[in-house]
């Protein structure tokens, strides 16, 4: 299996773009973070590595990372687009707490099978899918609404 760095470099080459030192730094910082990260959060982390990298460069590079298949954007309905690792990571769905914003990544083979069967029933050939379940987490259920 190719490394994420190789995949990204090959993608940039196909797009007639170069792997600049700034893009490499952004890629390395992104890959070092697990979970869901906004462009703003990534920018703040990148600045600790190289203060000359601007926010627009981080944002454009995140788009390139998503277009290359390294990253995937996720939207938890809170007005902030976040990114997570896609390449080399198992597909998963998300449970999102509407009170505290906690997210849980969930893998369930039965749900995956049911989604495939549903698509088949309606004559769809699945190319990809996303599932977000919104509710209230266990911790927030125990808190009063004061």
C-alpha atoms as a PDB file:
ATOM      1  CA  UNK A   1       0.000   0.000   0.000  1.00  0.00           C
ATOM      2  CA  UNK A   2       1.319   3.425  -0.949  1.00  0.00           C
ATOM      3  CA  UNK A   3       1.896   6.060   1.686  1.00  0.00           C
ATOM      4  CA  UNK A   4      -0.404   9.054   1.966  1.00  0.00           C
ATOM      5  CA  UNK A   5       2.572  11.229   1.006  1.00  0.00           C
ATOM      6  CA  UNK A   6       3.063   9.224  -2.210  1.00  0.00           C
ATOM      7  CA  UNK A   7      -0.633   9.406  -3.069  1.00  0.00           C
ATOM      8  CA  UNK A   8      -0.674  13.170  -2.528  1.00  0.00           C
ATOM      9  CA  UNK A   9       2.534  13.740  -4.516  1.00  0.00           C
ATOM     10  CA  UNK A  10       1.178  11.673  -7.415  1.00  0.00           C
ATOM     11  CA  UNK A  11      -2.095  13.607  -7.320  1.00  0.00           C
ATOM     12  CA  UNK A  12      -0.270  16.940  -7.401  1.00  0.00           C
ATOM     13  CA  UNK A  13       1.854  15.754 -10.343  1.00  0.00           C
ATOM     14  CA  UNK A  14      -1.295  14.761 -12.281  1.00  0.00           C
ATOM     15  CA  UNK A  15      -2.682  18.246 -11.582  1.00  0.00           C
ATOM     16  CA  UNK A  16       0.609  19.804 -12.747  1.00  0.00           C
ATOM     17  CA  UNK A  17       1.256  21.153  -9.261  1.00  0.00           C
ATOM     18  CA  UNK A  18       4.367  20.861  -7.122  1.00  0.00           C
ATOM     19  CA  UNK A  19       4.885  19.440  -3.673  1.00  0.00           C
ATOM     20  CA  UNK A  20       6.016  22.666  -2.043  1.00  0.00           C
ATOM     21  CA  UNK A  21       7.585  22.783   1.420  1.00  0.00           C
ATOM     22  CA  UNK A  22       4.404  24.470   2.661  1.00  0.00           C
ATOM     23  CA  UNK A  23       2.166  21.713   1.276  1.00  0.00           C
ATOM     24  CA  UNK A  24       4.450  19.071   2.771  1.00  0.00           C
ATOM     25  CA  UNK A  25       4.277  20.726   6.196  1.00  0.00           C
ATOM     26  CA  UNK A  26       0.483  20.990   6.031  1.00  0.00           C
ATOM     27  CA  UNK A  27       0.223  17.341   4.942  1.00  0.00           C
ATOM     28  CA  UNK A  28       2.508  16.168   7.763  1.00  0.00           C
ATOM     29  CA  UNK A  29       0.623  18.162  10.410  1.00  0.00           C
ATOM     30  CA  UNK A  30      -2.738  16.916   9.086  1.00  0.00           C
ATOM     31  CA  UNK A  31      -1.584  13.284   9.083  1.00  0.00           C
ATOM     32  CA  UNK A  32      -0.268  13.621  12.644  1.00  0.00           C
ATOM     33  CA  UNK A  33      -3.734  14.627  13.882  1.00  0.00           C
ATOM     34  CA  UNK A  34      -6.432  12.021  14.399  1.00  0.00           C
ATOM     35  CA  UNK A  35     -10.094  12.860  14.591  1.00  0.00           C
ATOM     36  CA  UNK A  36     -11.909  15.796  13.030  1.00  0.00           C
ATOM     37  CA  UNK A  37     -10.092  19.070  12.440  1.00  0.00           C
ATOM     38  CA  UNK A  38     -11.266  22.367  10.990  1.00  0.00           C
ATOM     39  CA  UNK A  39      -9.142  24.430   8.612  1.00  0.00           C
ATOM     40  CA  UNK A  40      -8.765  27.001  11.412  1.00  0.00           C
ATOM     41  CA  UNK A  41      -7.529  24.367  13.876  1.00  0.00           C
ATOM     42  CA  UNK A  42      -5.124  22.956  11.298  1.00  0.00           C
ATOM     43  CA  UNK A  43      -3.871  26.467  10.519  1.00  0.00           C
ATOM     44  CA  UNK A  44      -3.099  27.056  14.206  1.00  0.00           C
ATOM     45  CA  UNK A  45      -1.145  23.782  14.382  1.00  0.00           C
ATOM     46  CA  UNK A  46       0.699  24.477  11.126  1.00  0.00           C
ATOM     47  CA  UNK A  47       1.756  27.939  12.369  1.00  0.00           C
ATOM     48  CA  UNK A  48       3.645  26.299  15.243  1.00  0.00           C
ATOM     49  CA  UNK A  49       5.708  24.452  12.608  1.00  0.00           C
ATOM     50  CA  UNK A  50       6.086  27.303  10.119  1.00  0.00           C
ATOM     51  CA  UNK A  51       4.718  30.755  10.948  1.00  0.00           C
ATOM     52  CA  UNK A  52       5.124  31.910   7.332  1.00  0.00           C
ATOM     53  CA  UNK A  53       2.298  29.639   6.087  1.00  0.00           C
ATOM     54  CA  UNK A  54      -0.919  31.578   5.620  1.00  0.00           C
ATOM     55  CA  UNK A  55      -4.485  30.534   6.334  1.00  0.00           C
ATOM     56  CA  UNK A  56      -5.400  30.594   2.619  1.00  0.00           C
ATOM     57  CA  UNK A  57      -2.569  28.152   1.869  1.00  0.00           C
ATOM     58  CA  UNK A  58      -3.856  25.779   4.554  1.00  0.00           C
ATOM     59  CA  UNK A  59      -7.402  26.031   3.213  1.00  0.00           C
ATOM     60  CA  UNK A  60      -6.342  25.415  -0.415  1.00  0.00           C
ATOM     61  CA  UNK A  61      -4.118  22.510   0.611  1.00  0.00           C
ATOM     62  CA  UNK A  62      -6.967  20.922   2.591  1.00  0.00           C
ATOM     63  CA  UNK A  63      -9.072  21.060  -0.566  1.00  0.00           C
ATOM     64  CA  UNK A  64      -6.253  19.367  -2.485  1.00  0.00           C
ATOM     65  CA  UNK A  65      -5.972  16.724   0.241  1.00  0.00           C
ATOM     66  CA  UNK A  66      -9.704  16.035  -0.064  1.00  0.00           C
ATOM     67  CA  UNK A  67      -9.586  15.970  -3.871  1.00  0.00           C
ATOM     68  CA  UNK A  68      -6.674  13.517  -3.750  1.00  0.00           C
ATOM     69  CA  UNK A  69      -8.534  11.114  -1.429  1.00  0.00           C
ATOM     70  CA  UNK A  70      -6.243  11.686   1.558  1.00  0.00           C
ATOM     71  CA  UNK A  71      -8.827  13.680   3.518  1.00  0.00           C
ATOM     72  CA  UNK A  72     -12.594  13.810   3.676  1.00  0.00           C
ATOM     73  CA  UNK A  73     -14.761  16.719   4.742  1.00  0.00           C
ATOM     74  CA  UNK A  74     -17.372  16.110   7.429  1.00  0.00           C
ATOM     75  CA  UNK A  75     -20.266  18.352   8.430  1.00  0.00           C
ATOM     76  CA  UNK A  76     -21.766  17.906  11.886  1.00  0.00           C
ATOM     77  CA  UNK A  77     -24.439  20.595  11.335  1.00  0.00           C
ATOM     78  CA  UNK A  78     -22.729  23.115  13.591  1.00  0.00           C
ATOM     79  CA  UNK A  79     -21.559  25.514  10.898  1.00  0.00           C
ATOM     80  CA  UNK A  80     -17.960  24.227  10.811  1.00  0.00           C
ATOM     81  CA  UNK A  81     -16.588  21.964   8.091  1.00  0.00           C
ATOM     82  CA  UNK A  82     -14.024  19.576   9.497  1.00  0.00           C
ATOM     83  CA  UNK A  83     -11.676  17.120   7.843  1.00  0.00           C
ATOM     84  CA  UNK A  84     -10.670  13.607   8.774  1.00  0.00           C
ATOM     85  CA  UNK A  85      -8.290  11.048   7.342  1.00  0.00           C
ATOM     86  CA  UNK A  86      -9.753   9.033   4.497  1.00  0.00           C
ATOM     87  CA  UNK A  87      -6.876   7.197   2.820  1.00  0.00           C
ATOM     88  CA  UNK A  88      -5.840   4.103   4.762  1.00  0.00           C
ATOM     89  CA  UNK A  89      -8.732   4.402   7.222  1.00  0.00           C
ATOM     90  CA  UNK A  90     -11.781   2.183   7.485  1.00  0.00           C
ATOM     91  CA  UNK A  91     -15.128   3.625   6.450  1.00  0.00           C
ATOM     92  CA  UNK A  92     -17.194   4.671   9.446  1.00  0.00           C
ATOM     93  CA  UNK A  93     -20.341   6.560  10.336  1.00  0.00           C
ATOM     94  CA  UNK A  94     -20.803   9.291  12.938  1.00  0.00           C
ATOM     95  CA  UNK A  95     -22.950   9.743  16.031  1.00  0.00           C
ATOM     96  CA  UNK A  96     -23.149  13.450  16.917  1.00  0.00           C
ATOM     97  CA  UNK A  97     -24.372  14.934  20.203  1.00  0.00           C
ATOM     98  CA  UNK A  98     -26.499  18.011  19.503  1.00  0.00           C
ATOM     99  CA  UNK A  99     -25.761  19.466  22.947  1.00  0.00           C
ATOM    100  CA  UNK A 100     -22.018  19.171  23.508  1.00  0.00           C
ATOM    101  CA  UNK A 101     -20.827  18.377  19.969  1.00  0.00           C
ATOM    102  CA  UNK A 102     -19.191  15.086  20.927  1.00  0.00           C
ATOM    103  CA  UNK A 103     -18.746  12.778  17.940  1.00  0.00           C
ATOM    104  CA  UNK A 104     -18.337   9.026  17.962  1.00  0.00           C
ATOM    105  CA  UNK A 105     -17.043   7.128  14.966  1.00  0.00           C
ATOM    106  CA  UNK A 106     -18.989   3.905  14.550  1.00  0.00           C
ATOM    107  CA  UNK A 107     -18.396   0.873  12.343  1.00  0.00           C
ATOM    108  CA  UNK A 108     -21.273  -1.569  11.941  1.00  0.00           C
ATOM    109  CA  UNK A 109     -21.094  -4.240   9.262  1.00  0.00           C
ATOM    110  CA  UNK A 110     -24.834  -4.961   9.526  1.00  0.00           C
ATOM    111  CA  UNK A 111     -25.710  -1.333   8.745  1.00  0.00           C
ATOM    112  CA  UNK A 112     -23.248  -1.360   5.834  1.00  0.00           C
ATOM    113  CA  UNK A 113     -24.924  -4.496   4.468  1.00  0.00           C
ATOM    114  CA  UNK A 114     -28.402  -2.964   4.863  1.00  0.00           C
ATOM    115  CA  UNK A 115     -27.314   0.147   2.961  1.00  0.00           C
ATOM    116  CA  UNK A 116     -25.984  -1.991   0.124  1.00  0.00           C
ATOM    117  CA  UNK A 117     -29.228  -3.991   0.033  1.00  0.00           C
ATOM    118  CA  UNK A 118     -31.297  -0.792  -0.007  1.00  0.00           C
ATOM    119  CA  UNK A 119     -29.325   0.548  -2.955  1.00  0.00           C
ATOM    120  CA  UNK A 120     -29.661  -2.770  -4.771  1.00  0.00           C
ATOM    121  CA  UNK A 121     -33.433  -2.813  -4.144  1.00  0.00           C
ATOM    122  CA  UNK A 122     -33.785   0.536  -5.918  1.00  0.00           C
ATOM    123  CA  UNK A 123     -31.311  -0.256  -8.687  1.00  0.00           C
ATOM    124  CA  UNK A 124     -28.525   1.996  -7.435  1.00  0.00           C
ATOM    125  CA  UNK A 125     -24.852   1.254  -7.810  1.00  0.00           C
ATOM    126  CA  UNK A 126     -23.287   2.807  -4.712  1.00  0.00           C
ATOM    127  CA  UNK A 127     -20.197   4.914  -5.209  1.00  0.00           C
ATOM    128  CA  UNK A 128     -19.977   6.157  -1.616  1.00  0.00           C
ATOM    129  CA  UNK A 129     -22.163   7.129   1.308  1.00  0.00           C
ATOM    130  CA  UNK A 130     -22.144   9.005   4.580  1.00  0.00           C
ATOM    131  CA  UNK A 131     -24.306   8.509   7.629  1.00  0.00           C
ATOM    132  CA  UNK A 132     -24.675  10.941  10.513  1.00  0.00           C
ATOM    133  CA  UNK A 133     -26.907  10.145  13.472  1.00  0.00           C
ATOM    134  CA  UNK A 134     -27.796  13.142  15.640  1.00  0.00           C
ATOM    135  CA  UNK A 135     -29.000  12.915  19.211  1.00  0.00           C
ATOM    136  CA  UNK A 136     -27.943  13.441  22.810  1.00  0.00           C
ATOM    137  CA  UNK A 137     -24.958  11.569  24.266  1.00  0.00           C
ATOM    138  CA  UNK A 138     -25.114   9.637  27.523  1.00  0.00           C
ATOM    139  CA  UNK A 139     -23.257  12.337  29.459  1.00  0.00           C
ATOM    140  CA  UNK A 140     -25.604  15.119  28.292  1.00  0.00           C
ATOM    141  CA  UNK A 141     -28.677  12.990  29.017  1.00  0.00           C
ATOM    142  CA  UNK A 142     -27.622  12.959  32.664  1.00  0.00           C
ATOM    143  CA  UNK A 143     -27.324  16.751  32.872  1.00  0.00           C
ATOM    144  CA  UNK A 144     -30.254  19.029  33.652  1.00  0.00           C
ATOM    145  CA  UNK A 145     -31.225  21.805  31.216  1.00  0.00           C
ATOM    146  CA  UNK A 146     -30.445  24.756  33.524  1.00  0.00           C
END
